[in-house]
Amino acid sequence: MSRRLVPSVRRSDLQAHARTGTMARPDSRSRRNRMALTAAAFTTALLEEARQTHPWLHHPLFHMIWDGKLSRAQLQSVIRQQGCFFLDTLRHAAWKIILVGGYSPTYEDLERQRALIPLVVEEGGEDTVGGKTTAHAFLFIRLAEALGISRDELFATEYLPTTIIEKNELFLLQRSSTIEALCGGNIATESLNATHVQRMADAMERHYGVARAALDFYHVHMEVEGDHAERAVRILSQLATSDEAQARGRLAMRRAITARRICADGMLEAFVGSTR
């Protein structure tokens, strides 16, 4: 199977899937009749919905990993699939800056671009600007190697269709607008990722014998994800002030969470078999 990405999944397909696991997209009539929330209330509601619905906290596959119920071979298969996204997070983060402004940016655009620079630097490696932490993708490679996955094996992984659907949808959100990029990335996942990666790191060390020194991919995300979410909240407080903007942001978050769930479902079926 080629690793070249297929065309992005249709929005209608994702929305249909979302109705089985998250709140359905509100119809146009209800959107017209609803007043925009304050920016603070809007972001608070999004963060709470993400915590209640995100598969990285609630999906059986990850609960099985946390409990040490996957075999080492099954876990290796999951990690290799996750490389589809985690080996490409620098480009994913960079789209946020590319989207801000245009040919003639405003002063506010320049301020927003600067506010997003740390997200890109962290993904690409703070060691490039005098820091100590290397690229998150390199940390992921070290994690895979500690699990017995060689670099060549990792980069030669044949991705499941559901894994490709996830990545394509997440990248599409990044390319759509600043609101959709922030709600589909920082709010949808990074706001709760510190909890997820803590549990993953604990499981890797306790159940699968991975040395703590090889778990920096998880440890660094425990430290930075809260800051990423806070940056998104500050920017959204300026952008998501209308009902239309909030509806786009809300849908972007739900699309991202649905894509993550589709990927987890695919890995569970492929490597474990249905448990539900």
Foldseek 3Di string as FASTA:
>chain_A
DDLDFDAADDPVVLQVLLVVQHPHQDDPVVLVVDFADQLVVLLVVLLVRLVVGFCLNPPPVLVCLLVLNADLVLVLLVLLLVLSDQLPVLVLLVLLLVQQADPDRDPVSVVLSVLSVVVNCAQQQVVVVPDDGHHLNVLSQLLSVLSVQHPVNSVPDDHDNLSSNLNNLLSVQSNPHNLLSCLLPLSNDLCCLLVSLVSNLVSCVPNVPRDNVSSVSSVVSNPCSNVSNVSSSVVSSVVRGGSVSSSSSSVSSSSNSSSSVSRSVVSCCPRPNDPD
